[in-house]
Amino acid sequence: MSTTLTPYLSFDGTTREAFAFYEQALGGRIDAMMRYADMPAPAAPAEGCGPSAEGMGEAIMHACLTLPGGAMLFAGDAPPGRQHQGIQGVMLTLQYDTVAEAQAAFAALSQGGQVTMPLAPSFWAKTFGMLTDRFGLNWAINGESIPRDRTPAPESAR
């Protein structure tokens, strides 16, 4: 069985701007950018789905960004009738094969944001740092993993 985990972010009307930024900063490709205004009218309202998308105009219902290597990131503007609470309790982590790739992504994502831990060597990667980008999304960036012993802990330590 294969499992793919794809984060789905919610923005307060800035999905289009955020994804244009991420596309540039991460060298990705926007594969979908669907507006609420493009949704077909439902034949009957679905129970529990809240109010219609009427009046959402250019707001983005669904966006898909594909990163180099195939990882994807999904997002949309907060749906009608739901208040945006910000992006809380999550950090996205990027792993790069080289320090240079990690440095480039870190520099790009930190523009207009806040560095919370500058890039520096760690015991698991030749470089590691954290930041919050200008859209409020937390990122951890790793560059060039350091091989480590994968021997399981002794039974008495578990």
Protein backbone atom coordinates (compact mmCIF):
# COMPACT_ATOMS: atom_id res chain seq x y z
CA MET A 1 0.00 0.00 0.00
CA SER A 2 1.27 3.45 -0.86
CA THR A 3 0.36 6.57 1.12
CA THR A 4 0.75 10.17 0.03
CA LEU A 5 0.26 13.02 2.49
CA THR A 6 -0.60 16.38 0.93
CA PRO A 7 -1.04 19.44 3.18
CA TYR A 8 -4.16 21.51 2.47
CA LEU A 9 -3.78 25.10 3.62
CA SER A 10 -6.47 27.71 4.14
CA PHE A 11 -5.88 31.40 3.46
CA ASP A 12 -7.96 34.50 4.07
CA GLY A 13 -8.28 35.58 0.44
CA THR A 14 -4.55 35.37 -0.36
CA THR A 15 -4.27 31.89 -1.92
CA ARG A 16 -3.52 33.26 -5.40
CA GLU A 17 -0.76 35.55 -4.08
CA ALA A 18 0.68 32.90 -1.74
CA PHE A 19 0.86 30.24 -4.45
CA ALA A 20 2.49 32.62 -6.93
CA PHE A 21 5.08 33.30 -4.20
CA TYR A 22 5.60 29.59 -3.41
CA GLU A 23 5.82 28.72 -7.11
CA GLN A 24 8.67 31.20 -7.52
CA ALA A 25 10.40 30.55 -4.17
CA LEU A 26 10.32 26.76 -4.44
CA GLY A 27 10.63 26.27 -8.19
CA GLY A 28 7.22 24.61 -8.32
CA ARG A 29 4.41 24.62 -10.85
CA ILE A 30 0.81 25.69 -10.23
CA ASP A 31 -1.34 22.91 -11.69
CA ALA A 32 -4.74 24.18 -10.54
CA MET A 33 -6.23 27.53 -9.54
CA MET A 34 -10.02 27.19 -9.39
CA ARG A 35 -12.18 30.13 -8.34
CA TYR A 36 -15.39 29.88 -6.34
CA ALA A 37 -17.01 31.86 -9.17
CA ASP A 38 -16.26 28.97 -11.56
CA MET A 39 -18.16 26.40 -9.51
CA PRO A 40 -21.32 25.08 -11.13
CA ALA A 41 -24.49 25.90 -9.23
CA PRO A 42 -25.63 22.90 -7.16
CA ALA A 43 -28.99 21.36 -8.05
CA ALA A 44 -29.78 21.31 -4.34
CA PRO A 45 -27.72 22.52 -1.39
CA ALA A 46 -25.74 19.74 0.24
CA GLU A 47 -26.57 19.34 3.90
CA GLY A 48 -23.84 20.60 6.20
CA CYS A 49 -21.89 22.36 3.45
CA GLY A 50 -22.76 25.88 4.57
CA PRO A 51 -23.85 28.78 2.39
CA SER A 52 -23.30 28.89 -1.35
CA ALA A 53 -20.18 30.33 -2.98
CA GLU A 54 -22.24 33.24 -4.33
CA GLY A 55 -20.37 36.49 -3.91
CA MET A 56 -16.96 34.81 -3.53
CA GLY A 57 -15.89 36.20 -6.93
CA GLU A 58 -12.17 35.74 -7.51
CA ALA A 59 -11.55 33.87 -4.24
CA ILE A 60 -9.78 30.56 -4.78
CA MET A 61 -11.73 27.40 -3.99
CA HIS A 62 -8.82 25.04 -4.73
CA ALA A 63 -5.19 25.40 -5.80
CA CYS A 64 -2.51 22.78 -6.39
CA LEU A 65 1.23 23.44 -6.45
CA THR A 66 3.54 20.64 -7.57
CA LEU A 67 7.10 20.87 -6.29
CA PRO A 68 10.22 19.49 -7.97
CA GLY A 69 10.30 15.77 -7.17
CA GLY A 70 6.49 15.48 -7.20
CA ALA A 71 5.39 16.59 -3.72
CA MET A 72 2.19 18.65 -3.79
CA LEU A 73 0.69 21.43 -1.72
CA PHE A 74 -3.04 22.23 -1.83
CA ALA A 75 -4.80 25.37 -0.62
CA GLY A 76 -7.89 27.50 -0.90
CA ASP A 77 -9.38 30.67 0.51
CA ALA A 78 -11.57 30.10 3.56
CA PRO A 79 -14.94 28.85 2.30
CA PRO A 80 -18.09 30.93 2.55
CA GLY A 81 -19.50 31.09 6.04
CA ARG A 82 -16.26 30.00 7.71
CA GLN A 83 -14.03 32.49 9.44
CA HIS A 84 -10.33 32.12 8.69
CA GLN A 85 -8.41 31.33 11.89
CA GLY A 86 -4.92 31.61 10.42
CA ILE A 87 -2.52 28.74 9.92
CA GLN A 88 -1.88 27.34 13.38
CA GLY A 89 -0.22 24.28 14.83
CA VAL A 90 1.58 23.16 11.68
CA MET A 91 5.04 23.51 10.18
CA LEU A 92 5.95 22.36 6.69
CA THR A 93 9.38 20.79 6.34
CA LEU A 94 11.49 20.79 3.20
CA GLN A 95 14.41 18.38 2.72
CA TYR A 96 17.11 19.29 0.19
CA ASP A 97 19.99 17.17 -1.09
CA THR A 98 22.43 20.08 -0.84
CA VAL A 99 23.15 22.98 1.48
CA ALA A 100 22.98 25.38 -1.49
CA GLU A 101 19.42 24.28 -2.36
CA ALA A 102 18.35 24.71 1.27
CA GLN A 103 19.97 28.16 1.45
CA ALA A 104 18.19 29.29 -1.73
CA ALA A 105 14.76 28.11 -0.52
CA PHE A 106 15.32 29.61 2.94
CA ALA A 107 16.32 32.99 1.47
CA ALA A 108 13.33 33.03 -0.89
CA LEU A 109 10.72 31.95 1.68
CA SER A 110 12.01 34.35 4.34
CA GLN A 111 11.50 37.46 2.16
CA GLY A 112 8.85 39.51 3.91
CA GLY A 113 8.63 36.94 6.70
CA GLN A 114 10.47 36.30 9.94
CA VAL A 115 13.43 34.00 10.53
CA THR A 116 12.83 32.13 13.79
CA MET A 117 16.03 30.04 13.64
CA PRO A 118 18.78 31.01 11.17
CA LEU A 119 20.31 28.28 9.04
CA ALA A 120 23.05 26.48 10.95
CA PRO A 121 24.57 23.01 11.18
CA SER A 122 22.62 20.42 13.17
CA PHE A 123 23.29 16.83 14.12
CA TRP A 124 20.83 15.54 11.46
CA ALA A 125 21.65 17.88 8.56
CA LYS A 126 24.53 20.03 7.40
CA THR A 127 22.15 22.98 7.63
CA PHE A 128 18.77 23.53 9.27
CA GLY A 129 16.65 26.62 9.91
CA MET A 130 13.09 27.74 10.58
CA LEU A 131 11.02 30.71 9.48
CA THR A 132 7.51 32.07 9.26
CA ASP A 133 6.76 33.36 5.77
CA ARG A 134 4.82 36.53 4.96
CA PHE A 135 1.57 34.52 4.77
CA GLY A 136 1.96 33.15 8.31
CA LEU A 137 3.10 29.65 7.33
CA ASN A 138 5.88 28.07 9.40
CA TRP A 139 8.68 26.30 7.54
CA ALA A 140 11.61 24.10 8.58
CA ILE A 141 14.37 23.74 5.98
CA ASN A 142 16.93 20.92 5.98
CA GLY A 143 19.95 20.77 3.68
CA GLU A 144 22.06 17.66 3.10
CA SER A 145 21.15 15.01 5.62
CA ILE A 146 23.82 13.57 7.87
CA PRO A 147 23.64 9.75 7.99
CA ARG A 148 22.81 8.52 11.47
CA ASP A 149 22.64 5.20 13.23
CA ARG A 150 19.19 3.72 12.72
CA THR A 151 19.65 0.98 15.30
CA PRO A 152 16.45 0.74 17.36
CA ALA A 153 16.66 1.68 21.02
CA PRO A 154 17.07 -1.27 23.38
CA GLU A 155 13.81 -2.77 24.65
CA SER A 156 14.54 -1.41 28.14
CA ALA A 157 14.66 2.17 26.79
CA ARG A 158 11.23 2.01 25.15
